[in-house]
Amino acid sequence: METREDKSPQQNLVEEAVLSGSMAQESNREKKRRRPCRRKDSKPIPGCSEEERPTLCQEGGQSFSQSNTTVQHQIIHTGDRPYECPKCQKRFQTSSNLLKHQRIHTEERPFRCPDCRKGFKQNSHLITHRRIHTGERPYECGECGMSFRQSSNLICHQRIHTRERPYDCEQCGKSFSQRSHLICHQNIHAEERPYKCGECGKGFNQRSKLIIHEMIHTGERLYECPECGKRFQTSSDLLVHQRIHTEERPFHCPDCRKGFKQNSHLITHRRIHTGERPYECPQCGKSFTQKSHLSQHQRRHQ
């Protein structure tokens, strides 16, 4: 029998390579036979290899291709918040949520609009903002066809059709379709105006109203009509203006079905049906459906 010593160095090298390859194949077969590590509360997905999709969340039924993704997902069910803000000690479920939160303290705005260079703390806010420049309105109302830049605006708008008013004032019982309208209303009871203009000192009960007011001093008009080029200080003013070009009348009277371009015009019109006259002359007691009619009347007393 031929021994290792009788063989040439080249033959020995070939045999070592073959042996090494066969051992590697055997090792791979052994690895495939082993079960991968899994959490106790997860299980393999039927019809998939263990490597492709190793775990399934027992709580929600979602499947994940990586075990660390499963662990991160299961924090939703456990309520665990392992990431703490060193500034205010508020806790978060993910490191990305902590990072977003920390921008409150740093005022960092890393997401810049390429059109106007305005900065945003979150990329999602930049995407929404850019629709001002592009004119994109991806959220459309199924009732009247009116479209919006944000899904939240569509939800609020749809309450015009459903007449839903889920926000109630605890002090007077008046209800509102939007939470922001309730907050604004509650400031009437408190007479609180926490937002002060740095130029003239005028106070406002909403930050959004202060921002709009400050444009009087700066002359800034961000919102441009794509039809005629006219510019406006607020997106709502632009929206009202655009109905001149489209003849759209999304606000319909439930009594006579007459259509209006603005909700405020519908409110005034409905007083014909309800008989409401909220504007009363302090001198003679005569009441009116519109504030302008009261102003005209008061001139007669002068």
C-alpha atoms as a PDB file:
ATOM      1  CA  MET A   1       0.000   0.000   0.000  1.00  0.00           C
ATOM      2  CA  GLU A   2       1.334   3.409  -0.991  1.00  0.00           C
ATOM      3  CA  THR A   3       2.127   5.582   2.076  1.00  0.00           C
ATOM      4  CA  ARG A   4       2.148   9.409   2.422  1.00  0.00           C
ATOM      5  CA  GLU A   5       5.952   9.332   2.300  1.00  0.00           C
ATOM      6  CA  ASP A   6       5.927   7.472  -1.062  1.00  0.00           C
ATOM      7  CA  LYS A   7       3.696  10.125  -2.684  1.00  0.00           C
ATOM      8  CA  SER A   8       4.940  13.289  -4.307  1.00  0.00           C
ATOM      9  CA  PRO A   9       4.360  16.660  -2.546  1.00  0.00           C
ATOM     10  CA  GLN A  10       1.869  17.627  -5.290  1.00  0.00           C
ATOM     11  CA  GLN A  11      -0.280  14.482  -4.661  1.00  0.00           C
ATOM     12  CA  ASN A  12      -0.303  15.143  -0.902  1.00  0.00           C
ATOM     13  CA  LEU A  13      -1.547  18.733  -1.487  1.00  0.00           C
ATOM     14  CA  VAL A  14      -4.394  17.548  -3.754  1.00  0.00           C
ATOM     15  CA  GLU A  15      -5.535  14.952  -1.197  1.00  0.00           C
ATOM     16  CA  GLU A  16      -5.499  17.567   1.613  1.00  0.00           C
ATOM     17  CA  ALA A  17      -7.646  19.889  -0.470  1.00  0.00           C
ATOM     18  CA  VAL A  18     -10.189  17.144  -1.222  1.00  0.00           C
ATOM     19  CA  LEU A  19     -10.312  16.114   2.454  1.00  0.00           C
ATOM     20  CA  SER A  20     -10.754  19.716   3.574  1.00  0.00           C
ATOM     21  CA  GLY A  21     -13.636  20.191   1.088  1.00  0.00           C
ATOM     22  CA  SER A  22     -15.461  17.045   2.227  1.00  0.00           C
ATOM     23  CA  MET A  23     -15.111  18.078   5.889  1.00  0.00           C
ATOM     24  CA  ALA A  24     -16.584  21.507   5.072  1.00  0.00           C
ATOM     25  CA  GLN A  25     -19.563  19.898   3.319  1.00  0.00           C
ATOM     26  CA  GLU A  26     -20.173  17.639   6.325  1.00  0.00           C
ATOM     27  CA  SER A  27     -20.017  20.680   8.627  1.00  0.00           C
ATOM     28  CA  ASN A  28     -22.622  22.521   6.490  1.00  0.00           C
ATOM     29  CA  ARG A  29     -24.928  19.493   6.566  1.00  0.00           C
ATOM     30  CA  GLU A  30     -24.588  19.420  10.381  1.00  0.00           C
ATOM     31  CA  LYS A  31     -25.497  23.147  10.598  1.00  0.00           C
ATOM     32  CA  LYS A  32     -28.618  22.591   8.501  1.00  0.00           C
ATOM     33  CA  ARG A  33     -29.695  19.772  10.822  1.00  0.00           C
ATOM     34  CA  ARG A  34     -29.439  22.083  13.849  1.00  0.00           C
ATOM     35  CA  ARG A  35     -32.472  24.138  14.881  1.00  0.00           C
ATOM     36  CA  PRO A  36     -31.811  27.898  14.998  1.00  0.00           C
ATOM     37  CA  CYS A  37     -32.204  29.766  18.281  1.00  0.00           C
ATOM     38  CA  ARG A  38     -35.685  31.217  18.746  1.00  0.00           C
ATOM     39  CA  ARG A  39     -37.500  33.075  21.460  1.00  0.00           C
ATOM     40  CA  LYS A  40     -39.902  30.964  23.512  1.00  0.00           C
ATOM     41  CA  ASP A  41     -42.837  33.071  22.368  1.00  0.00           C
ATOM     42  CA  SER A  42     -42.121  32.713  18.630  1.00  0.00           C
ATOM     43  CA  LYS A  43     -42.434  29.850  16.163  1.00  0.00           C
ATOM     44  CA  PRO A  44     -41.204  29.000  12.633  1.00  0.00           C
ATOM     45  CA  ILE A  45     -43.335  29.882   9.617  1.00  0.00           C
ATOM     46  CA  PRO A  46     -44.844  26.884   7.750  1.00  0.00           C
ATOM     47  CA  GLY A  47     -43.651  26.610   4.144  1.00  0.00           C
ATOM     48  CA  CYS A  48     -40.530  28.745   4.663  1.00  0.00           C
ATOM     49  CA  SER A  49     -36.991  27.747   5.489  1.00  0.00           C
ATOM     50  CA  GLU A  50     -35.728  28.676   8.961  1.00  0.00           C
ATOM     51  CA  GLU A  51     -33.113  30.991   7.416  1.00  0.00           C
ATOM     52  CA  GLU A  52     -35.676  32.892   5.303  1.00  0.00           C
ATOM     53  CA  ARG A  53     -38.319  33.648   7.949  1.00  0.00           C
ATOM     54  CA  PRO A  54     -37.377  32.373  11.384  1.00  0.00           C
ATOM     55  CA  THR A  55     -40.008  33.850  13.703  1.00  0.00           C
ATOM     56  CA  LEU A  56     -43.694  34.644  14.026  1.00  0.00           C
ATOM     57  CA  CYS A  57     -45.071  36.991  16.703  1.00  0.00           C
ATOM     58  CA  GLN A  58     -47.535  35.050  18.863  1.00  0.00           C
ATOM     59  CA  GLU A  59     -49.420  38.234  19.886  1.00  0.00           C
ATOM     60  CA  GLY A  60     -50.099  39.932  16.564  1.00  0.00           C
ATOM     61  CA  GLY A  61     -49.333  37.165  14.030  1.00  0.00           C
ATOM     62  CA  GLN A  62     -46.774  39.216  12.062  1.00  0.00           C
ATOM     63  CA  SER A  63     -43.735  37.391  10.687  1.00  0.00           C
ATOM     64  CA  PHE A  64     -40.161  38.671  10.559  1.00  0.00           C
ATOM     65  CA  SER A  65     -37.026  37.625   8.699  1.00  0.00           C
ATOM     66  CA  GLN A  66     -34.642  38.658  11.497  1.00  0.00           C
ATOM     67  CA  SER A  67     -34.833  37.745  15.169  1.00  0.00           C
ATOM     68  CA  ASN A  68     -33.784  41.238  16.325  1.00  0.00           C
ATOM     69  CA  THR A  69     -36.714  42.719  14.326  1.00  0.00           C
ATOM     70  CA  THR A  70     -39.051  40.326  16.148  1.00  0.00           C
ATOM     71  CA  VAL A  71     -37.652  41.371  19.520  1.00  0.00           C
ATOM     72  CA  GLN A  72     -38.116  45.056  18.633  1.00  0.00           C
ATOM     73  CA  HIS A  73     -41.694  44.386  17.446  1.00  0.00           C
ATOM     74  CA  GLN A  74     -42.646  42.481  20.613  1.00  0.00           C
ATOM     75  CA  ILE A  75     -41.830  45.581  22.695  1.00  0.00           C
ATOM     76  CA  ILE A  76     -45.166  46.934  21.360  1.00  0.00           C
ATOM     77  CA  HIS A  77     -46.998  44.130  23.179  1.00  0.00           C
ATOM     78  CA  THR A  78     -44.901  44.182  26.360  1.00  0.00           C
ATOM     79  CA  GLY A  79     -44.988  47.984  26.741  1.00  0.00           C
ATOM     80  CA  ASP A  80     -41.247  48.024  27.424  1.00  0.00           C
ATOM     81  CA  ARG A  81     -39.547  51.399  26.787  1.00  0.00           C
ATOM     82  CA  PRO A  82     -35.800  50.806  27.040  1.00  0.00           C
ATOM     83  CA  TYR A  83     -34.629  54.094  25.448  1.00  0.00           C
ATOM     84  CA  GLU A  84     -34.515  57.090  27.831  1.00  0.00           C
ATOM     85  CA  CYS A  85     -33.965  60.751  26.943  1.00  0.00           C
ATOM     86  CA  PRO A  86     -31.042  62.062  29.029  1.00  0.00           C
ATOM     87  CA  LYS A  87     -32.613  65.553  29.058  1.00  0.00           C
ATOM     88  CA  CYS A  88     -36.144  64.920  30.319  1.00  0.00           C
ATOM     89  CA  GLN A  89     -36.139  61.170  31.142  1.00  0.00           C
ATOM     90  CA  LYS A  90     -39.047  60.459  28.784  1.00  0.00           C
ATOM     91  CA  ARG A  91     -38.833  56.842  27.581  1.00  0.00           C
ATOM     92  CA  PHE A  92     -39.363  55.320  24.119  1.00  0.00           C
ATOM     93  CA  GLN A  93     -39.805  51.892  22.566  1.00  0.00           C
ATOM     94  CA  THR A  94     -37.275  52.424  19.765  1.00  0.00           C
ATOM     95  CA  SER A  95     -34.007  54.300  19.364  1.00  0.00           C
ATOM     96  CA  SER A  96     -35.399  56.066  16.255  1.00  0.00           C
ATOM     97  CA  ASN A  97     -38.311  57.484  18.296  1.00  0.00           C
ATOM     98  CA  LEU A  98     -35.852  58.703  20.917  1.00  0.00           C
ATOM     99  CA  LEU A  99     -33.793  60.387  18.185  1.00  0.00           C
ATOM    100  CA  LYS A 100     -36.877  62.216  16.853  1.00  0.00           C
ATOM    101  CA  HIS A 101     -37.785  63.315  20.378  1.00  0.00           C
ATOM    102  CA  GLN A 102     -34.315  64.670  21.132  1.00  0.00           C
ATOM    103  CA  ARG A 103     -34.686  67.200  18.321  1.00  0.00           C
ATOM    104  CA  ILE A 104     -37.204  68.992  20.571  1.00  0.00           C
ATOM    105  CA  HIS A 105     -34.304  69.823  22.910  1.00  0.00           C
ATOM    106  CA  THR A 106     -31.693  70.553  20.217  1.00  0.00           C
ATOM    107  CA  GLU A 107     -34.007  72.343  17.714  1.00  0.00           C
ATOM    108  CA  GLU A 108     -32.190  70.354  15.026  1.00  0.00           C
ATOM    109  CA  ARG A 109     -34.029  70.382  11.674  1.00  0.00           C
ATOM    110  CA  PRO A 110     -32.051  68.094   9.356  1.00  0.00           C
ATOM    111  CA  PHE A 111     -34.714  67.726   6.623  1.00  0.00           C
ATOM    112  CA  ARG A 112     -34.581  70.743   4.268  1.00  0.00           C
ATOM    113  CA  CYS A 113     -37.069  71.699   1.575  1.00  0.00           C
ATOM    114  CA  PRO A 114     -35.168  72.090  -1.740  1.00  0.00           C
ATOM    115  CA  ASP A 115     -37.629  74.787  -2.880  1.00  0.00           C
ATOM    116  CA  CYS A 116     -37.680  77.203   0.092  1.00  0.00           C
ATOM    117  CA  ARG A 117     -34.970  75.735   2.394  1.00  0.00           C
ATOM    118  CA  LYS A 118     -37.384  75.484   5.332  1.00  0.00           C
ATOM    119  CA  GLY A 119     -36.164  72.880   7.825  1.00  0.00           C
ATOM    120  CA  PHE A 120     -38.121  70.070   9.502  1.00  0.00           C
ATOM    121  CA  LYS A 121     -37.446  67.694  12.381  1.00  0.00           C
ATOM    122  CA  GLN A 122     -39.002  64.707  10.608  1.00  0.00           C
ATOM    123  CA  ASN A 123     -38.871  63.577   6.986  1.00  0.00           C
ATOM    124  CA  SER A 124     -42.641  62.932   6.997  1.00  0.00           C
ATOM    125  CA  HIS A 125     -43.219  66.619   7.821  1.00  0.00           C
ATOM    126  CA  LEU A 126     -41.008  67.627   4.882  1.00  0.00           C
ATOM    127  CA  ILE A 127     -42.983  65.356   2.520  1.00  0.00           C
ATOM    128  CA  THR A 128     -46.249  66.991   3.652  1.00  0.00           C
ATOM    129  CA  HIS A 129     -44.756  70.498   3.338  1.00  0.00           C
ATOM    130  CA  ARG A 130     -43.485  69.904  -0.208  1.00  0.00           C
ATOM    131  CA  ARG A 131     -47.076  69.438  -1.371  1.00  0.00           C
ATOM    132  CA  ILE A 132     -47.459  73.233  -0.943  1.00  0.00           C
ATOM    133  CA  HIS A 133     -44.939  73.661  -3.785  1.00  0.00           C
ATOM    134  CA  THR A 134     -46.049  70.715  -5.949  1.00  0.00           C
ATOM    135  CA  GLY A 135     -49.796  71.257  -5.480  1.00  0.00           C
ATOM    136  CA  GLU A 136     -50.256  67.537  -4.779  1.00  0.00           C
ATOM    137  CA  ARG A 137     -53.449  66.645  -2.872  1.00  0.00           C
ATOM    138  CA  PRO A 138     -53.526  62.846  -2.607  1.00  0.00           C
ATOM    139  CA  TYR A 139     -56.423  62.535  -0.122  1.00  0.00           C
ATOM    140  CA  GLU A 140     -59.843  62.930  -1.786  1.00  0.00           C
ATOM    141  CA  CYS A 141     -63.279  63.099  -0.181  1.00  0.00           C
ATOM    142  CA  GLY A 142     -65.624  60.433  -1.536  1.00  0.00           C
ATOM    143  CA  GLU A 143     -68.670  62.676  -0.939  1.00  0.00           C
ATOM    144  CA  CYS A 144     -67.747  65.902  -2.735  1.00  0.00           C
ATOM    145  CA  GLY A 145     -64.396  65.182  -4.434  1.00  0.00           C
ATOM    146  CA  MET A 146     -62.531  67.809  -2.437  1.00  0.00           C
ATOM    147  CA  SER A 147     -58.844  66.857  -2.017  1.00  0.00           C
ATOM    148  CA  PHE A 148     -56.297  67.498   0.737  1.00  0.00           C
ATOM    149  CA  ARG A 149     -52.572  67.385   1.344  1.00  0.00           C
ATOM    150  CA  GLN A 150     -52.913  65.501   4.639  1.00  0.00           C
ATOM    151  CA  SER A 151     -55.103  62.546   5.636  1.00  0.00           C
ATOM    152  CA  SER A 152     -55.915  64.295   8.942  1.00  0.00           C
ATOM    153  CA  ASN A 153     -57.391  67.247   7.011  1.00  0.00           C
ATOM    154  CA  LEU A 154     -59.580  64.867   5.019  1.00  0.00           C
ATOM    155  CA  ILE A 155     -60.851  63.238   8.241  1.00  0.00           C
ATOM    156  CA  CYS A 156     -61.740  66.666   9.673  1.00  0.00           C
ATOM    157  CA  HIS A 157     -63.428  67.688   6.399  1.00  0.00           C
ATOM    158  CA  GLN A 158     -65.577  64.543   6.272  1.00  0.00           C
ATOM    159  CA  ARG A 159     -67.209  65.601   9.532  1.00  0.00           C
ATOM    160  CA  ILE A 160     -68.938  68.366   7.524  1.00  0.00           C
ATOM    161  CA  HIS A 161     -70.853  65.621   5.724  1.00  0.00           C
ATOM    162  CA  THR A 162     -71.378  63.339   8.745  1.00  0.00           C
ATOM    163  CA  ARG A 163     -72.063  66.241  11.168  1.00  0.00           C
ATOM    164  CA  GLU A 164     -69.901  64.439  13.710  1.00  0.00           C
ATOM    165  CA  ARG A 165     -68.694  66.657  16.587  1.00  0.00           C
ATOM    166  CA  PRO A 166     -66.680  64.422  18.914  1.00  0.00           C
ATOM    167  CA  TYR A 167     -65.049  67.172  21.016  1.00  0.00           C
ATOM    168  CA  ASP A 168     -67.230  68.613  23.802  1.00  0.00           C
ATOM    169  CA  CYS A 169     -66.545  71.630  26.015  1.00  0.00           C
ATOM    170  CA  GLU A 170     -66.927  70.571  29.665  1.00  0.00           C
ATOM    171  CA  GLN A 171     -67.914  74.083  30.726  1.00  0.00           C
ATOM    172  CA  CYS A 172     -70.737  74.905  28.334  1.00  0.00           C
ATOM    173  CA  GLY A 173     -71.408  71.642  26.478  1.00  0.00           C
ATOM    174  CA  LYS A 174     -70.715  73.079  23.026  1.00  0.00           C
ATOM    175  CA  SER A 175     -69.298  70.462  20.648  1.00  0.00           C
ATOM    176  CA  PHE A 176     -66.704  70.737  17.869  1.00  0.00           C
ATOM    177  CA  SER A 177     -65.570  68.700  14.882  1.00  0.00           C
ATOM    178  CA  GLN A 178     -61.873  69.347  15.587  1.00  0.00           C
ATOM    179  CA  ARG A 179     -59.876  69.237  18.797  1.00  0.00           C
ATOM    180  CA  SER A 180     -58.047  72.455  17.847  1.00  0.00           C
ATOM    181  CA  HIS A 181     -61.417  74.265  17.636  1.00  0.00           C
ATOM    182  CA  LEU A 182     -62.308  73.029  21.120  1.00  0.00           C
ATOM    183  CA  ILE A 183     -58.969  74.263  22.536  1.00  0.00           C
ATOM    184  CA  CYS A 184     -59.515  77.657  20.893  1.00  0.00           C
ATOM    185  CA  HIS A 185     -63.046  77.813  22.309  1.00  0.00           C
ATOM    186  CA  GLN A 186     -61.907  76.868  25.822  1.00  0.00           C
ATOM    187  CA  ASN A 187     -59.586  79.866  25.840  1.00  0.00           C
ATOM    188  CA  ILE A 188     -62.733  82.037  25.619  1.00  0.00           C
ATOM    189  CA  HIS A 189     -63.735  80.753  29.058  1.00  0.00           C
ATOM    190  CA  ALA A 190     -60.209  81.209  30.411  1.00  0.00           C
ATOM    191  CA  GLU A 191     -59.553  84.429  28.438  1.00  0.00           C
ATOM    192  CA  GLU A 192     -56.029  83.111  28.094  1.00  0.00           C
ATOM    193  CA  ARG A 193     -53.835  84.406  25.251  1.00  0.00           C
ATOM    194  CA  PRO A 194     -50.462  82.742  25.809  1.00  0.00           C
ATOM    195  CA  TYR A 195     -48.994  83.399  22.338  1.00  0.00           C
ATOM    196  CA  LYS A 196     -47.588  86.957  22.114  1.00  0.00           C
ATOM    197  CA  CYS A 197     -46.379  88.763  18.995  1.00  0.00           C
ATOM    198  CA  GLY A 198     -42.777  89.919  19.385  1.00  0.00           C
ATOM    199  CA  GLU A 199     -43.414  92.969  17.177  1.00  0.00           C
ATOM    200  CA  CYS A 200     -46.586  94.518  18.622  1.00  0.00           C
ATOM    201  CA  GLY A 201     -47.306  92.460  21.753  1.00  0.00           C
ATOM    202  CA  LYS A 202     -50.743  91.315  20.595  1.00  0.00           C
ATOM    203  CA  GLY A 203     -51.797  88.043  22.253  1.00  0.00           C
ATOM    204  CA  PHE A 204     -53.443  84.998  20.677  1.00  0.00           C
ATOM    205  CA  ASN A 205     -55.071  81.866  22.037  1.00  0.00           C
ATOM    206  CA  GLN A 206     -53.523  79.688  19.297  1.00  0.00           C
ATOM    207  CA  ARG A 207     -49.958  79.480  18.024  1.00  0.00           C
ATOM    208  CA  SER A 208     -51.232  79.114  14.440  1.00  0.00           C
ATOM    209  CA  LYS A 209     -53.057  82.454  14.749  1.00  0.00           C
ATOM    210  CA  LEU A 210     -49.868  84.120  16.003  1.00  0.00           C
ATOM    211  CA  ILE A 211     -47.939  82.770  12.991  1.00  0.00           C
ATOM    212  CA  ILE A 212     -50.592  84.125  10.607  1.00  0.00           C
ATOM    213  CA  HIS A 213     -50.583  87.471  12.434  1.00  0.00           C
ATOM    214  CA  GLU A 214     -46.775  87.773  12.231  1.00  0.00           C
ATOM    215  CA  MET A 215     -47.037  87.638   8.424  1.00  0.00           C
ATOM    216  CA  ILE A 216     -48.658  91.097   8.626  1.00  0.00           C
ATOM    217  CA  HIS A 217     -45.319  92.424   9.876  1.00  0.00           C
ATOM    218  CA  THR A 218     -43.145  90.365   7.492  1.00  0.00           C
ATOM    219  CA  GLY A 219     -45.417  90.657   4.443  1.00  0.00           C
ATOM    220  CA  GLU A 220     -44.804  86.964   3.771  1.00  0.00           C
ATOM    221  CA  ARG A 221     -47.279  85.156   1.494  1.00  0.00           C
ATOM    222  CA  LEU A 222     -46.217  81.532   1.071  1.00  0.00           C
ATOM    223  CA  TYR A 223     -49.257  80.121  -0.739  1.00  0.00           C
ATOM    224  CA  GLU A 224     -49.573  80.861  -4.463  1.00  0.00           C
ATOM    225  CA  CYS A 225     -52.558  80.115  -6.686  1.00  0.00           C
ATOM    226  CA  PRO A 226     -51.387  77.989  -9.648  1.00  0.00           C
ATOM    227  CA  GLU A 227     -54.183  79.448 -11.818  1.00  0.00           C
ATOM    228  CA  CYS A 228     -53.582  83.211 -11.494  1.00  0.00           C
ATOM    229  CA  GLY A 229     -50.415  83.568  -9.400  1.00  0.00           C
ATOM    230  CA  LYS A 230     -52.117  85.441  -6.550  1.00  0.00           C
ATOM    231  CA  ARG A 231     -50.440  84.790  -3.207  1.00  0.00           C
ATOM    232  CA  PHE A 232     -51.940  84.256   0.257  1.00  0.00           C
ATOM    233  CA  GLN A 233     -50.761  84.156   3.838  1.00  0.00           C
ATOM    234  CA  THR A 234     -52.559  80.901   4.722  1.00  0.00           C
ATOM    235  CA  SER A 235     -53.384  77.682   2.886  1.00  0.00           C
ATOM    236  CA  SER A 236     -57.056  78.051   3.893  1.00  0.00           C
ATOM    237  CA  ASP A 237     -57.211  81.500   2.217  1.00  0.00           C
ATOM    238  CA  LEU A 238     -55.708  79.982  -0.939  1.00  0.00           C
ATOM    239  CA  LEU A 239     -58.242  77.138  -0.840  1.00  0.00           C
ATOM    240  CA  VAL A 240     -61.164  79.578  -0.552  1.00  0.00           C
ATOM    241  CA  HIS A 241     -59.716  81.650  -3.427  1.00  0.00           C
ATOM    242  CA  GLN A 242     -59.280  78.632  -5.721  1.00  0.00           C
ATOM    243  CA  ARG A 243     -63.035  78.021  -5.657  1.00  0.00           C
ATOM    244  CA  ILE A 244     -63.375  81.204  -7.773  1.00  0.00           C
ATOM    245  CA  HIS A 245     -61.670  79.308 -10.609  1.00  0.00           C
ATOM    246  CA  THR A 246     -63.401  75.946 -10.071  1.00  0.00           C
ATOM    247  CA  GLU A 247     -66.889  77.153  -9.029  1.00  0.00           C
ATOM    248  CA  GLU A 248     -66.764  74.382  -6.435  1.00  0.00           C
ATOM    249  CA  ARG A 249     -69.440  74.676  -3.713  1.00  0.00           C
ATOM    250  CA  PRO A 250     -68.696  71.888  -1.205  1.00  0.00           C
ATOM    251  CA  PHE A 251     -70.885  73.234   1.637  1.00  0.00           C
ATOM    252  CA  HIS A 252     -74.546  72.306   1.097  1.00  0.00           C
ATOM    253  CA  CYS A 253     -77.546  73.386   3.146  1.00  0.00           C
ATOM    254  CA  PRO A 254     -79.361  70.305   4.511  1.00  0.00           C
ATOM    255  CA  ASP A 255     -82.702  72.128   4.248  1.00  0.00           C
ATOM    256  CA  CYS A 256     -82.687  73.432   0.656  1.00  0.00           C
ATOM    257  CA  ARG A 257     -79.444  71.883  -0.749  1.00  0.00           C
ATOM    258  CA  LYS A 258     -78.092  75.280  -1.813  1.00  0.00           C
ATOM    259  CA  GLY A 259     -74.291  75.135  -2.188  1.00  0.00           C
ATOM    260  CA  PHE A 260     -71.688  77.546  -0.797  1.00  0.00           C
ATOM    261  CA  LYS A 261     -67.968  78.055  -1.317  1.00  0.00           C
ATOM    262  CA  GLN A 262     -67.288  78.717   2.365  1.00  0.00           C
ATOM    263  CA  ASN A 263     -68.654  77.078   5.495  1.00  0.00           C
ATOM    264  CA  SER A 264     -69.149  80.512   7.099  1.00  0.00           C
ATOM    265  CA  HIS A 265     -71.530  81.434   4.255  1.00  0.00           C
ATOM    266  CA  LEU A 266     -73.504  78.238   4.867  1.00  0.00           C
ATOM    267  CA  ILE A 267     -73.762  79.051   8.611  1.00  0.00           C
ATOM    268  CA  THR A 268     -75.128  82.526   7.789  1.00  0.00           C
ATOM    269  CA  HIS A 269     -77.553  81.109   5.208  1.00  0.00           C
ATOM    270  CA  ARG A 270     -78.974  78.494   7.608  1.00  0.00           C
ATOM    271  CA  ARG A 271     -80.236  81.285   9.872  1.00  0.00           C
ATOM    272  CA  ILE A 272     -82.952  81.835   7.204  1.00  0.00           C
ATOM    273  CA  HIS A 273     -84.313  78.379   8.077  1.00  0.00           C
ATOM    274  CA  THR A 274     -83.644  78.414  11.830  1.00  0.00           C
ATOM    275  CA  GLY A 275     -84.720  82.022  12.448  1.00  0.00           C
ATOM    276  CA  GLU A 276     -81.573  82.629  14.529  1.00  0.00           C
ATOM    277  CA  ARG A 277     -80.552  86.296  14.894  1.00  0.00           C
ATOM    278  CA  PRO A 278     -77.385  86.352  17.025  1.00  0.00           C
ATOM    279  CA  TYR A 279     -76.430  90.020  16.455  1.00  0.00           C
ATOM    280  CA  GLU A 280     -78.498  92.392  18.636  1.00  0.00           C
ATOM    281  CA  CYS A 281     -78.425  96.180  18.710  1.00  0.00           C
ATOM    282  CA  PRO A 282     -77.620  97.343  22.273  1.00  0.00           C
ATOM    283  CA  GLN A 283     -79.582 100.577  21.749  1.00  0.00           C
ATOM    284  CA  CYS A 284     -82.960  99.349  20.468  1.00  0.00           C
ATOM    285  CA  GLY A 285     -82.787  95.576  20.842  1.00  0.00           C
ATOM    286  CA  LYS A 286     -83.329  94.792  17.154  1.00  0.00           C
ATOM    287  CA  SER A 287     -81.497  91.623  16.074  1.00  0.00           C
ATOM    288  CA  PHE A 288     -79.896  90.508  12.804  1.00  0.00           C
ATOM    289  CA  THR A 289     -78.647  87.367  11.076  1.00  0.00           C
ATOM    290  CA  GLN A 290     -75.339  88.976  10.040  1.00  0.00           C
ATOM    291  CA  LYS A 291     -72.850  91.210  11.833  1.00  0.00           C
ATOM    292  CA  SER A 292     -72.610  93.513   8.777  1.00  0.00           C
ATOM    293  CA  HIS A 293     -76.378  94.114   8.907  1.00  0.00           C
ATOM    294  CA  LEU A 294     -76.083  95.138  12.558  1.00  0.00           C
ATOM    295  CA  SER A 295     -73.244  97.561  11.692  1.00  0.00           C
ATOM    296  CA  GLN A 296     -75.386  99.169   8.962  1.00  0.00           C
ATOM    297  CA  HIS A 297     -78.302  99.485  11.361  1.00  0.00           C
ATOM    298  CA  GLN A 298     -76.191 101.091  14.123  1.00  0.00           C
ATOM    299  CA  ARG A 299     -75.205 103.925  11.768  1.00  0.00           C
ATOM    300  CA  ARG A 300     -78.823 105.092  11.888  1.00  0.00           C
ATOM    301  CA  HIS A 301     -78.510 105.781  15.615  1.00  0.00           C
ATOM    302  CA  GLN A 302     -75.430 107.994  15.097  1.00  0.00           C
END
